[in-house]
Amino acid sequence: MKRLIQFFVKHAILANLLMLLIIGTGLMALYNLPSTLFPKQDPDFIAIQSAYPGASAREVEEGIVLKVEENLKGITGIKQVRSESAENMGTIMVELYPNADAQKVH
């Protein structure tokens, strides 16, 4: 390490050129680096929420949730379906396989 420092002390121009090369490479990499506010991600889950004002949890389950689950049975790319019924609202979480195309599953 001591010899490396001595070399750059004796050859100051070479040290400055190396520094400029490192800075230039960093700036080129920064310019080519893709950046977005919201990066594109393939979703692993699809959330389905439905409102049913004035209905009990049982009515939401029978009137909405079970019917949606029945319609999801024949679709390929779905790994698991979970649902939750509450007063005035039903929520269904559809988990997709990692290689499934979310646009085709919709």
N, C-alpha and C. Protein backbone atom coordinates (compact mmCIF):
# COMPACT_ATOMS: atom_id res chain seq x y z
N MET A 1 0.82 -1.18 0.00
CA MET A 1 0.00 0.00 0.00
C MET A 1 0.87 1.25 0.00
N LYS A 2 1.97 1.18 0.73
CA LYS A 2 2.87 2.33 0.82
C LYS A 2 3.49 2.62 -0.56
N ARG A 3 3.80 1.58 -1.31
CA ARG A 3 4.40 1.77 -2.64
C ARG A 3 3.39 2.39 -3.61
N LEU A 4 2.12 2.02 -3.47
CA LEU A 4 1.08 2.58 -4.32
C LEU A 4 0.92 4.08 -4.07
N ILE A 5 0.95 4.48 -2.81
CA ILE A 5 0.86 5.90 -2.47
C ILE A 5 2.08 6.65 -2.99
N GLN A 6 3.25 6.07 -2.84
CA GLN A 6 4.46 6.72 -3.34
C GLN A 6 4.40 6.89 -4.87
N PHE A 7 3.88 5.88 -5.56
CA PHE A 7 3.77 5.95 -7.01
C PHE A 7 2.87 7.12 -7.42
N PHE A 8 1.72 7.27 -6.78
CA PHE A 8 0.81 8.35 -7.16
C PHE A 8 1.30 9.71 -6.70
N VAL A 9 2.13 9.76 -5.66
CA VAL A 9 2.73 11.04 -5.27
C VAL A 9 3.73 11.48 -6.34
N LYS A 10 4.50 10.56 -6.86
CA LYS A 10 5.48 10.88 -7.90
C LYS A 10 4.81 11.20 -9.23
N HIS A 11 3.69 10.57 -9.53
CA HIS A 11 2.99 10.75 -10.80
C HIS A 11 1.61 11.36 -10.55
N ALA A 12 1.59 12.62 -10.19
CA ALA A 12 0.34 13.30 -9.82
C ALA A 12 -0.63 13.40 -11.00
N ILE A 13 -0.10 13.57 -12.20
CA ILE A 13 -0.98 13.69 -13.37
C ILE A 13 -1.73 12.37 -13.59
N LEU A 14 -1.06 11.25 -13.42
CA LEU A 14 -1.70 9.95 -13.57
C LEU A 14 -2.80 9.77 -12.52
N ALA A 15 -2.56 10.23 -11.31
CA ALA A 15 -3.57 10.13 -10.25
C ALA A 15 -4.79 10.98 -10.61
N ASN A 16 -4.57 12.18 -11.15
CA ASN A 16 -5.69 13.03 -11.55
C ASN A 16 -6.47 12.43 -12.71
N LEU A 17 -5.76 11.83 -13.68
CA LEU A 17 -6.45 11.18 -14.79
C LEU A 17 -7.28 9.99 -14.31
N LEU A 18 -6.76 9.23 -13.38
CA LEU A 18 -7.50 8.11 -12.83
C LEU A 18 -8.75 8.60 -12.11
N MET A 19 -8.64 9.69 -11.37
CA MET A 19 -9.78 10.27 -10.68
C MET A 19 -10.83 10.74 -11.69
N LEU A 20 -10.42 11.39 -12.77
CA LEU A 20 -11.35 11.84 -13.80
C LEU A 20 -12.03 10.66 -14.49
N LEU A 21 -11.28 9.59 -14.71
CA LEU A 21 -11.84 8.39 -15.32
C LEU A 21 -12.92 7.79 -14.41
N ILE A 22 -12.67 7.73 -13.14
CA ILE A 22 -13.64 7.18 -12.19
C ILE A 22 -14.89 8.05 -12.13
N ILE A 23 -14.71 9.37 -12.07
CA ILE A 23 -15.85 10.30 -12.03
C ILE A 23 -16.65 10.22 -13.34
N GLY A 24 -15.93 10.19 -14.48
CA GLY A 24 -16.62 10.09 -15.77
C GLY A 24 -17.41 8.82 -15.91
N THR A 25 -16.85 7.70 -15.49
CA THR A 25 -17.56 6.43 -15.54
C THR A 25 -18.79 6.46 -14.63
N GLY A 26 -18.66 7.05 -13.48
CA GLY A 26 -19.80 7.17 -12.56
C GLY A 26 -20.91 8.03 -13.14
N LEU A 27 -20.55 9.14 -13.79
CA LEU A 27 -21.55 10.00 -14.41
C LEU A 27 -22.25 9.30 -15.58
N MET A 28 -21.50 8.54 -16.38
CA MET A 28 -22.12 7.79 -17.48
C MET A 28 -23.07 6.73 -16.94
N ALA A 29 -22.68 6.07 -15.87
CA ALA A 29 -23.55 5.06 -15.27
C ALA A 29 -24.80 5.72 -14.69
N LEU A 30 -24.64 6.89 -14.09
CA LEU A 30 -25.78 7.60 -13.52
C LEU A 30 -26.75 8.04 -14.61
N TYR A 31 -26.24 8.46 -15.75
CA TYR A 31 -27.07 8.88 -16.87
C TYR A 31 -27.86 7.70 -17.45
N ASN A 32 -27.26 6.53 -17.49
CA ASN A 32 -27.90 5.35 -18.06
C ASN A 32 -28.75 4.56 -17.06
N LEU A 33 -28.74 4.97 -15.81
CA LEU A 33 -29.48 4.25 -14.78
C LEU A 33 -30.98 4.54 -14.91
N PRO A 34 -31.80 3.52 -15.11
CA PRO A 34 -33.24 3.78 -15.24
C PRO A 34 -33.82 4.13 -13.88
N SER A 35 -34.65 5.16 -13.87
CA SER A 35 -35.28 5.55 -12.61
C SER A 35 -36.72 5.95 -12.88
N THR A 36 -37.60 5.49 -12.01
CA THR A 36 -39.00 5.83 -12.09
C THR A 36 -39.52 6.08 -10.69
N LEU A 37 -40.57 6.87 -10.61
CA LEU A 37 -41.16 7.13 -9.31
C LEU A 37 -41.84 5.88 -8.77
N PHE A 38 -42.56 5.18 -9.65
CA PHE A 38 -43.21 3.93 -9.28
C PHE A 38 -42.70 2.84 -10.21
N PRO A 39 -41.75 2.02 -9.77
CA PRO A 39 -41.20 0.99 -10.66
C PRO A 39 -42.26 -0.04 -11.04
N LYS A 40 -42.11 -0.58 -12.24
CA LYS A 40 -43.05 -1.58 -12.74
C LYS A 40 -42.82 -2.89 -11.99
N GLN A 41 -43.87 -3.41 -11.44
CA GLN A 41 -43.81 -4.67 -10.71
C GLN A 41 -44.94 -5.57 -11.17
N ASP A 42 -44.66 -6.83 -11.23
CA ASP A 42 -45.71 -7.78 -11.51
C ASP A 42 -46.40 -8.11 -10.19
N PRO A 43 -47.71 -7.93 -10.14
CA PRO A 43 -48.40 -8.16 -8.87
C PRO A 43 -48.49 -9.65 -8.54
N ASP A 44 -48.34 -9.96 -7.27
CA ASP A 44 -48.51 -11.33 -6.80
C ASP A 44 -49.93 -11.55 -6.29
N PHE A 45 -50.63 -10.46 -6.00
CA PHE A 45 -51.97 -10.53 -5.46
C PHE A 45 -52.89 -9.59 -6.23
N ILE A 46 -54.14 -9.98 -6.29
CA ILE A 46 -55.19 -9.10 -6.81
C ILE A 46 -56.22 -8.98 -5.69
N ALA A 47 -56.53 -7.76 -5.31
CA ALA A 47 -57.51 -7.52 -4.24
C ALA A 47 -58.83 -7.10 -4.86
N ILE A 48 -59.89 -7.76 -4.44
CA ILE A 48 -61.24 -7.43 -4.89
C ILE A 48 -62.03 -7.02 -3.66
N GLN A 49 -62.52 -5.78 -3.66
CA GLN A 49 -63.31 -5.29 -2.54
C GLN A 49 -64.68 -4.88 -3.06
N SER A 50 -65.71 -5.23 -2.32
CA SER A 50 -67.05 -4.85 -2.72
C SER A 50 -67.81 -4.31 -1.52
N ALA A 51 -68.55 -3.26 -1.76
CA ALA A 51 -69.37 -2.67 -0.70
C ALA A 51 -70.81 -3.11 -0.88
N TYR A 52 -71.45 -3.42 0.23
CA TYR A 52 -72.86 -3.83 0.23
C TYR A 52 -73.48 -3.14 1.44
N PRO A 53 -73.83 -1.86 1.29
CA PRO A 53 -74.32 -1.07 2.43
C PRO A 53 -75.56 -1.69 3.08
N GLY A 54 -75.54 -1.74 4.39
CA GLY A 54 -76.68 -2.22 5.17
C GLY A 54 -76.78 -3.73 5.27
N ALA A 55 -75.82 -4.47 4.74
CA ALA A 55 -75.89 -5.93 4.76
C ALA A 55 -75.06 -6.49 5.90
N SER A 56 -75.51 -7.63 6.40
CA SER A 56 -74.74 -8.31 7.43
C SER A 56 -73.60 -9.08 6.77
N ALA A 57 -72.70 -9.61 7.59
CA ALA A 57 -71.57 -10.37 7.06
C ALA A 57 -72.05 -11.61 6.30
N ARG A 58 -73.10 -12.26 6.77
CA ARG A 58 -73.64 -13.44 6.10
C ARG A 58 -74.23 -13.07 4.74
N GLU A 59 -74.94 -11.95 4.67
CA GLU A 59 -75.51 -11.50 3.40
C GLU A 59 -74.43 -11.13 2.39
N VAL A 60 -73.37 -10.51 2.87
CA VAL A 60 -72.24 -10.17 1.99
C VAL A 60 -71.61 -11.45 1.47
N GLU A 61 -71.44 -12.44 2.34
CA GLU A 61 -70.84 -13.71 1.93
C GLU A 61 -71.69 -14.42 0.88
N GLU A 62 -72.97 -14.53 1.14
CA GLU A 62 -73.85 -15.26 0.21
C GLU A 62 -74.12 -14.47 -1.06
N GLY A 63 -74.26 -13.17 -0.95
CA GLY A 63 -74.64 -12.36 -2.10
C GLY A 63 -73.49 -11.98 -3.02
N ILE A 64 -72.28 -11.88 -2.48
CA ILE A 64 -71.15 -11.40 -3.30
C ILE A 64 -69.98 -12.37 -3.29
N VAL A 65 -69.45 -12.64 -2.12
CA VAL A 65 -68.18 -13.35 -1.99
C VAL A 65 -68.23 -14.75 -2.61
N LEU A 66 -69.24 -15.52 -2.28
CA LEU A 66 -69.32 -16.88 -2.82
C LEU A 66 -69.49 -16.88 -4.34
N LYS A 67 -70.23 -15.92 -4.87
CA LYS A 67 -70.42 -15.85 -6.32
C LYS A 67 -69.13 -15.48 -7.04
N VAL A 68 -68.36 -14.58 -6.45
CA VAL A 68 -67.07 -14.21 -7.06
C VAL A 68 -66.11 -15.39 -7.00
N GLU A 69 -66.07 -16.08 -5.87
CA GLU A 69 -65.20 -17.25 -5.74
C GLU A 69 -65.57 -18.34 -6.75
N GLU A 70 -66.85 -18.54 -6.99
CA GLU A 70 -67.29 -19.53 -7.98
C GLU A 70 -66.79 -19.16 -9.37
N ASN A 71 -66.84 -17.88 -9.72
CA ASN A 71 -66.39 -17.44 -11.04
C ASN A 71 -64.88 -17.50 -11.20
N LEU A 72 -64.14 -17.47 -10.10
CA LEU A 72 -62.67 -17.53 -10.16
C LEU A 72 -62.15 -18.95 -10.31
N LYS A 73 -62.97 -19.94 -10.08
CA LYS A 73 -62.50 -21.34 -10.09
C LYS A 73 -61.93 -21.79 -11.42
N GLY A 74 -62.45 -21.35 -12.53
CA GLY A 74 -61.98 -21.84 -13.82
C GLY A 74 -60.81 -21.08 -14.42
N ILE A 75 -60.32 -20.07 -13.75
CA ILE A 75 -59.26 -19.23 -14.30
C ILE A 75 -57.89 -19.82 -13.96
N THR A 76 -57.04 -19.97 -14.98
CA THR A 76 -55.69 -20.49 -14.75
C THR A 76 -54.79 -19.37 -14.25
N GLY A 77 -53.78 -19.73 -13.50
CA GLY A 77 -52.82 -18.76 -12.98
C GLY A 77 -53.09 -18.36 -11.55
N ILE A 78 -54.20 -18.84 -10.99
CA ILE A 78 -54.55 -18.50 -9.60
C ILE A 78 -54.05 -19.60 -8.68
N LYS A 79 -53.27 -19.20 -7.70
CA LYS A 79 -52.72 -20.15 -6.75
C LYS A 79 -53.67 -20.39 -5.58
N GLN A 80 -54.21 -19.30 -5.02
CA GLN A 80 -55.04 -19.42 -3.84
C GLN A 80 -56.01 -18.24 -3.78
N VAL A 81 -57.20 -18.49 -3.26
CA VAL A 81 -58.20 -17.44 -3.08
C VAL A 81 -58.59 -17.41 -1.61
N ARG A 82 -58.49 -16.23 -1.00
CA ARG A 82 -58.90 -16.04 0.39
C ARG A 82 -59.94 -14.94 0.43
N SER A 83 -60.92 -15.11 1.28
CA SER A 83 -61.97 -14.09 1.36
C SER A 83 -62.30 -13.78 2.81
N GLU A 84 -62.87 -12.60 2.97
CA GLU A 84 -63.28 -12.16 4.30
C GLU A 84 -64.56 -11.36 4.13
N SER A 85 -65.56 -11.70 4.92
CA SER A 85 -66.83 -10.98 4.87
C SER A 85 -67.04 -10.25 6.18
N ALA A 86 -67.48 -9.02 6.08
CA ALA A 86 -67.79 -8.21 7.26
C ALA A 86 -69.07 -7.44 6.95
N GLU A 87 -69.56 -6.74 7.94
CA GLU A 87 -70.75 -5.93 7.70
C GLU A 87 -70.44 -4.88 6.66
N ASN A 88 -71.30 -4.76 5.68
CA ASN A 88 -71.22 -3.75 4.62
C ASN A 88 -70.09 -3.95 3.61
N MET A 89 -69.21 -4.97 3.77
CA MET A 89 -68.07 -5.09 2.87
C MET A 89 -67.56 -6.51 2.78
N GLY A 90 -67.10 -6.87 1.59
CA GLY A 90 -66.46 -8.15 1.37
C GLY A 90 -65.12 -7.94 0.69
N THR A 91 -64.11 -8.71 1.09
CA THR A 91 -62.77 -8.60 0.52
C THR A 91 -62.32 -9.98 0.07
N ILE A 92 -61.80 -10.04 -1.15
CA ILE A 92 -61.28 -11.29 -1.69
C ILE A 92 -59.85 -11.04 -2.15
N MET A 93 -58.91 -11.84 -1.65
CA MET A 93 -57.51 -11.75 -2.05
C MET A 93 -57.19 -12.95 -2.93
N VAL A 94 -56.74 -12.67 -4.16
CA VAL A 94 -56.41 -13.71 -5.12
C VAL A 94 -54.89 -13.74 -5.26
N GLU A 95 -54.27 -14.85 -4.87
CA GLU A 95 -52.82 -15.00 -4.99
C GLU A 95 -52.51 -15.68 -6.32
N LEU A 96 -51.57 -15.09 -7.06
CA LEU A 96 -51.21 -15.62 -8.37
C LEU A 96 -49.92 -16.43 -8.30
N TYR A 97 -49.76 -17.34 -9.25
CA TYR A 97 -48.49 -18.04 -9.38
C TYR A 97 -47.44 -17.04 -9.86
N PRO A 98 -46.16 -17.26 -9.52
CA PRO A 98 -45.11 -16.30 -9.90
C PRO A 98 -45.00 -16.05 -11.41
N ASN A 99 -45.27 -17.04 -12.24
CA ASN A 99 -45.12 -16.86 -13.68
C ASN A 99 -46.44 -16.50 -14.37
N ALA A 100 -47.50 -16.27 -13.62
CA ALA A 100 -48.81 -15.94 -14.20
C ALA A 100 -48.83 -14.50 -14.68
N ASP A 101 -49.49 -14.27 -15.80
CA ASP A 101 -49.65 -12.93 -16.36
C ASP A 101 -50.89 -12.31 -15.72
N ALA A 102 -50.70 -11.26 -14.94
CA ALA A 102 -51.80 -10.64 -14.21
C ALA A 102 -52.84 -10.05 -15.16
N GLN A 103 -52.44 -9.62 -16.34
CA GLN A 103 -53.40 -9.06 -17.28
C GLN A 103 -54.34 -10.12 -17.84
N LYS A 104 -53.87 -11.32 -17.98
CA LYS A 104 -54.72 -12.40 -18.48
C LYS A 104 -55.60 -12.98 -17.38
N VAL A 105 -55.15 -12.87 -16.14
CA VAL A 105 -55.91 -13.39 -15.02
C VAL A 105 -57.08 -12.47 -14.71
N HIS A 106 -56.93 -11.20 -14.97
CA HIS A 106 -58.00 -10.24 -14.66
C HIS A 106 -59.30 -10.67 -15.23
